[in-house]
Amino acid sequence: MYIKVIFMVIILPYLVFVNGFLAPDFSYATRQRLSSSMLATSPKAEFELQEVKAQLNAMLKQGIRPKMLSDEKRNELESYLQAVLRSRPSPVPLKTLADNGASSLHGNWTLVFSSENEGLGDLPRDATVEMIMLPNFKCEYKILFPKTLGMKSLTAKSTYLVDSSPVNPGLVTIIYQDIVVDAFGMKLPIGAFGMLKGRATYVDTQWFDGMMWIDRGYSSDGNQFYNIYVKSK
């Protein structure tokens, strides 16, 4: 009975998510805002970059997840992000991300911002999405459920490839291998979902500096959106 409930309420929406890949208007009292005219004349978008980093780090520390943001806050962050992408090339050249066994990607990356909620599927608003990039091109694509009864996490153990060609430099292809559910204190391999083995999702890297990782995706209706992962470990 428990397994059936887990499948219908938690796992099935998650599978839709991985198969496709409150709004607290928090402020920073110590931050001095620049005027719109100063923003417009910043050729390298230094202000916007620092705003994005400061706000994302605060969100990570406060446990604020992408679905918790108001439309106003999401639009504000997206405007800063667009300015950064227009004006500042990736500090780490994308074609080098595969170098040294993709060592620059190694670590725990937490999804802190998505410019469109559709990219998050039917996940609970407080769910945490993590990519744990490991040596030897192994990774774990993990979703943590802090307030879901009996359900702690769901992990897609995977392998990955990094494109270093001139066509799609920095494109990361994550290939699912096994899915494990941590529920009711037990870690259960979900063999019934073998249909996902070998399926892939993509991280279309647009900008990377070793601590912030920006990728691009497209919604079902063709709208472009961006995700930002912050290195947490």
Protein backbone atom coordinates (compact mmCIF):
# COMPACT_ATOMS: atom_id res chain seq x y z
CA MET A 1 0.00 0.00 0.00
CA TYR A 2 2.79 2.43 0.92
CA ILE A 3 4.61 1.68 -2.34
CA LYS A 4 1.45 2.39 -4.34
CA VAL A 5 0.95 5.72 -2.57
CA ILE A 6 4.59 6.68 -3.11
CA PHE A 7 4.30 5.85 -6.81
CA MET A 8 1.09 7.80 -7.44
CA VAL A 9 1.84 10.87 -5.32
CA ILE A 10 5.61 11.28 -5.50
CA ILE A 11 7.41 9.04 -7.98
CA LEU A 12 5.11 9.42 -10.98
CA PRO A 13 5.37 13.26 -11.06
CA TYR A 14 9.12 12.91 -10.58
CA LEU A 15 9.38 10.57 -13.57
CA VAL A 16 7.59 13.12 -15.70
CA PHE A 17 10.12 15.68 -14.49
CA VAL A 18 13.27 13.62 -15.14
CA ASN A 19 11.97 12.27 -18.44
CA GLY A 20 11.61 15.73 -19.92
CA PHE A 21 13.73 17.85 -17.64
CA LEU A 22 5.39 32.43 -0.70
CA ALA A 23 7.21 34.39 -2.33
CA PRO A 24 9.14 36.05 0.43
CA ASP A 25 10.31 39.26 -1.16
CA PHE A 26 13.54 39.18 0.82
CA SER A 27 15.69 42.31 0.85
CA TYR A 28 19.26 43.16 1.75
CA ALA A 29 19.44 46.10 4.13
CA THR A 30 23.18 46.52 3.71
CA ARG A 31 23.00 46.63 -0.09
CA GLN A 32 22.91 49.99 -1.85
CA ARG A 33 20.81 49.84 -5.00
CA LEU A 34 22.05 51.61 -8.08
CA SER A 35 19.78 53.73 -10.22
CA SER A 36 18.41 52.46 -13.52
CA SER A 37 20.65 54.85 -15.44
CA MET A 38 23.74 53.35 -13.79
CA LEU A 39 22.54 49.85 -14.66
CA ALA A 40 22.14 50.82 -18.30
CA THR A 41 25.68 52.16 -18.55
CA SER A 42 27.42 49.14 -17.00
CA PRO A 43 29.20 47.61 -20.02
CA LYS A 44 30.27 44.42 -18.26
CA ALA A 45 27.18 43.96 -16.09
CA GLU A 46 29.24 43.87 -12.91
CA PHE A 47 26.34 45.09 -10.79
CA GLU A 48 23.95 42.51 -12.24
CA LEU A 49 26.46 39.70 -11.72
CA GLN A 50 27.01 40.62 -8.08
CA GLU A 51 23.25 40.95 -7.53
CA VAL A 52 22.62 37.49 -8.95
CA LYS A 53 25.37 35.94 -6.84
CA ALA A 54 24.32 37.71 -3.64
CA GLN A 55 20.66 36.83 -4.00
CA LEU A 56 21.26 33.22 -5.01
CA ASN A 57 23.64 32.63 -2.11
CA ALA A 58 21.08 34.13 0.27
CA MET A 59 18.36 31.91 -1.20
CA LEU A 60 20.55 28.83 -0.79
CA LYS A 61 21.32 29.64 2.85
CA GLN A 62 17.69 30.45 3.67
CA GLY A 63 16.33 27.33 1.97
CA ILE A 64 14.35 29.33 -0.59
CA ARG A 65 13.72 27.13 -3.61
CA PRO A 66 12.85 28.17 -7.20
CA LYS A 67 9.10 27.51 -6.90
CA MET A 68 8.87 29.72 -3.81
CA LEU A 69 9.71 32.89 -5.73
CA SER A 70 7.11 35.47 -6.66
CA ASP A 71 6.79 36.41 -10.33
CA GLU A 72 8.21 39.83 -9.47
CA LYS A 73 11.35 38.38 -7.88
CA ARG A 74 11.77 35.85 -10.67
CA ASN A 75 11.53 38.57 -13.31
CA GLU A 76 14.04 40.73 -11.44
CA LEU A 77 16.58 37.92 -11.27
CA GLU A 78 15.97 36.97 -14.89
CA SER A 79 16.66 40.55 -15.99
CA TYR A 80 20.01 40.49 -14.17
CA LEU A 81 20.77 37.09 -15.64
CA GLN A 82 20.03 38.24 -19.19
CA ALA A 83 22.38 41.21 -18.73
CA VAL A 84 25.17 38.91 -17.53
CA LEU A 85 24.72 36.52 -20.46
CA ARG A 86 24.71 39.42 -22.95
CA SER A 87 27.72 41.23 -21.57
CA ARG A 88 30.03 38.76 -19.84
CA PRO A 89 31.48 35.68 -21.55
CA SER A 90 31.74 32.55 -19.44
CA PRO A 91 34.83 32.91 -17.18
CA VAL A 92 35.60 29.23 -17.79
CA PRO A 93 35.58 28.52 -21.54
CA LEU A 94 32.81 26.01 -22.15
CA LYS A 95 34.93 23.86 -24.45
CA THR A 96 37.30 23.18 -21.53
CA LEU A 97 34.67 21.74 -19.16
CA ALA A 98 35.53 18.21 -20.30
CA ASP A 99 39.25 18.67 -19.52
CA ASN A 100 40.91 16.64 -16.76
CA GLY A 101 37.99 14.28 -16.46
CA ALA A 102 35.56 17.21 -16.18
CA SER A 103 37.11 18.02 -12.81
CA SER A 104 35.78 21.60 -12.87
CA LEU A 105 32.24 20.19 -12.62
CA HIS A 106 32.94 17.93 -9.64
CA GLY A 107 30.96 18.74 -6.50
CA ASN A 108 27.39 19.23 -5.31
CA TRP A 109 25.29 21.65 -7.34
CA THR A 110 21.92 22.88 -6.07
CA LEU A 111 19.26 24.28 -8.40
CA VAL A 112 18.52 27.69 -6.88
CA PHE A 113 16.77 29.52 -9.72
CA SER A 114 14.66 28.69 -12.76
CA SER A 115 13.23 31.46 -14.90
CA GLU A 116 10.13 29.37 -15.68
CA ASN A 117 8.27 27.04 -13.33
CA GLU A 118 7.42 24.61 -16.13
CA GLY A 119 11.04 23.49 -16.11
CA LEU A 120 10.42 22.17 -12.58
CA GLY A 121 7.45 19.99 -13.50
CA ASP A 122 5.10 18.91 -10.70
CA LEU A 123 7.68 18.95 -7.94
CA PRO A 124 6.62 20.21 -4.49
CA ARG A 125 7.49 23.87 -4.00
CA ASP A 126 9.97 23.04 -1.23
CA ALA A 127 11.75 20.23 -3.09
CA THR A 128 15.50 20.56 -3.59
CA VAL A 129 17.08 19.48 -6.87
CA GLU A 130 20.77 18.55 -6.77
CA MET A 131 23.35 17.34 -9.24
CA ILE A 132 26.26 15.57 -7.59
CA MET A 133 29.02 15.42 -10.17
CA LEU A 134 31.58 12.74 -9.38
CA PRO A 135 34.91 11.56 -10.84
CA ASN A 136 34.98 9.01 -13.66
CA PHE A 137 31.96 10.70 -15.28
CA LYS A 138 29.51 9.42 -12.68
CA CYS A 139 26.80 11.56 -11.18
CA GLU A 140 23.68 11.48 -9.04
CA TYR A 141 20.64 13.50 -10.06
CA LYS A 142 18.79 13.88 -6.78
CA ILE A 143 15.54 15.35 -5.49
CA LEU A 144 15.13 15.90 -1.74
CA PHE A 145 11.67 16.10 -0.15
CA PRO A 146 11.97 17.84 3.25
CA LYS A 147 8.25 17.80 4.12
CA THR A 148 6.91 14.73 2.32
CA LEU A 149 5.64 12.05 4.72
CA GLY A 150 7.83 8.96 4.53
CA MET A 151 9.72 10.19 1.49
CA LYS A 152 13.23 11.57 1.94
CA SER A 153 14.80 11.54 -1.51
CA LEU A 154 14.78 10.08 -4.98
CA THR A 155 18.10 9.60 -6.77
CA ALA A 156 18.86 8.82 -10.40
CA LYS A 157 22.31 7.27 -10.42
CA SER A 158 23.76 8.23 -13.79
CA THR A 159 26.72 8.66 -16.04
CA TYR A 160 27.47 11.78 -18.05
CA LEU A 161 29.27 13.11 -21.09
CA VAL A 162 30.61 16.61 -21.71
CA ASP A 163 30.75 17.99 -25.26
CA SER A 164 33.99 19.79 -26.11
CA SER A 165 33.23 20.25 -29.80
CA PRO A 166 32.72 23.68 -31.42
CA VAL A 167 29.05 22.79 -32.05
CA ASN A 168 27.76 22.48 -28.48
CA PRO A 169 30.69 23.22 -26.15
CA GLY A 170 29.82 22.52 -22.52
CA LEU A 171 26.69 20.49 -23.26
CA VAL A 172 26.38 17.87 -20.50
CA THR A 173 24.43 14.72 -21.32
CA ILE A 174 23.24 12.86 -18.22
CA ILE A 175 22.32 9.23 -18.86
CA TYR A 176 20.14 7.55 -16.22
CA GLN A 177 21.23 4.15 -14.95
CA ASP A 178 19.34 3.31 -11.73
CA ILE A 179 16.71 5.05 -9.62
CA VAL A 180 16.76 4.65 -5.84
CA VAL A 181 14.06 5.85 -3.43
CA ASP A 182 14.86 6.65 0.20
CA ALA A 183 11.48 6.10 1.86
CA PHE A 184 10.45 5.11 5.38
CA GLY A 185 14.11 4.74 6.35
CA MET A 186 14.82 2.23 3.57
CA LYS A 187 16.71 2.73 0.32
CA LEU A 188 14.78 0.86 -2.34
CA PRO A 189 15.94 0.33 -5.93
CA ILE A 190 12.97 0.87 -8.22
CA GLY A 191 13.44 -1.87 -10.78
CA ALA A 192 9.98 -1.27 -12.28
CA PHE A 193 11.31 1.91 -13.87
CA GLY A 194 13.95 0.18 -15.98
CA MET A 195 12.33 1.95 -18.93
CA LEU A 196 14.32 5.02 -17.89
CA LYS A 197 17.67 3.22 -18.02
CA GLY A 198 19.68 4.68 -20.85
CA ARG A 199 17.40 7.70 -21.23
CA ALA A 200 19.11 11.06 -21.14
CA THR A 201 18.57 14.61 -20.01
CA TYR A 202 20.73 17.59 -20.90
CA VAL A 203 22.39 20.53 -19.20
CA ASP A 204 22.95 23.05 -21.99
CA THR A 205 25.67 25.10 -20.30
CA GLN A 206 25.69 28.82 -21.16
CA TRP A 207 27.95 30.23 -18.43
CA PHE A 208 30.21 28.70 -15.79
CA ASP A 209 32.67 30.10 -13.26
CA GLY A 210 33.24 27.13 -10.93
CA MET A 211 30.66 28.31 -8.38
CA MET A 212 27.68 29.27 -10.54
CA TRP A 213 26.44 27.14 -13.43
CA ILE A 214 23.86 28.51 -15.87
CA ASP A 215 22.07 26.30 -18.37
CA ARG A 216 19.36 26.85 -20.95
CA GLY A 217 16.22 24.83 -21.65
CA TYR A 218 12.97 25.07 -23.58
CA SER A 219 9.43 24.60 -22.30
CA SER A 220 6.83 22.42 -24.03
CA ASP A 221 5.54 25.47 -25.92
CA GLY A 222 9.01 26.42 -27.11
CA ASN A 223 9.79 29.22 -24.67
CA GLN A 224 13.41 29.54 -23.63
CA PHE A 225 14.24 29.48 -19.93
CA TYR A 226 17.35 29.37 -17.75
CA ASN A 227 18.36 27.40 -14.68
CA ILE A 228 21.08 28.41 -12.26
CA TYR A 229 22.90 25.90 -10.08
CA VAL A 230 25.09 27.03 -7.20
CA LYS A 231 27.94 24.89 -5.90
CA SER A 232 27.09 23.94 -2.33
CA LYS A 233 29.95 21.51 -1.58
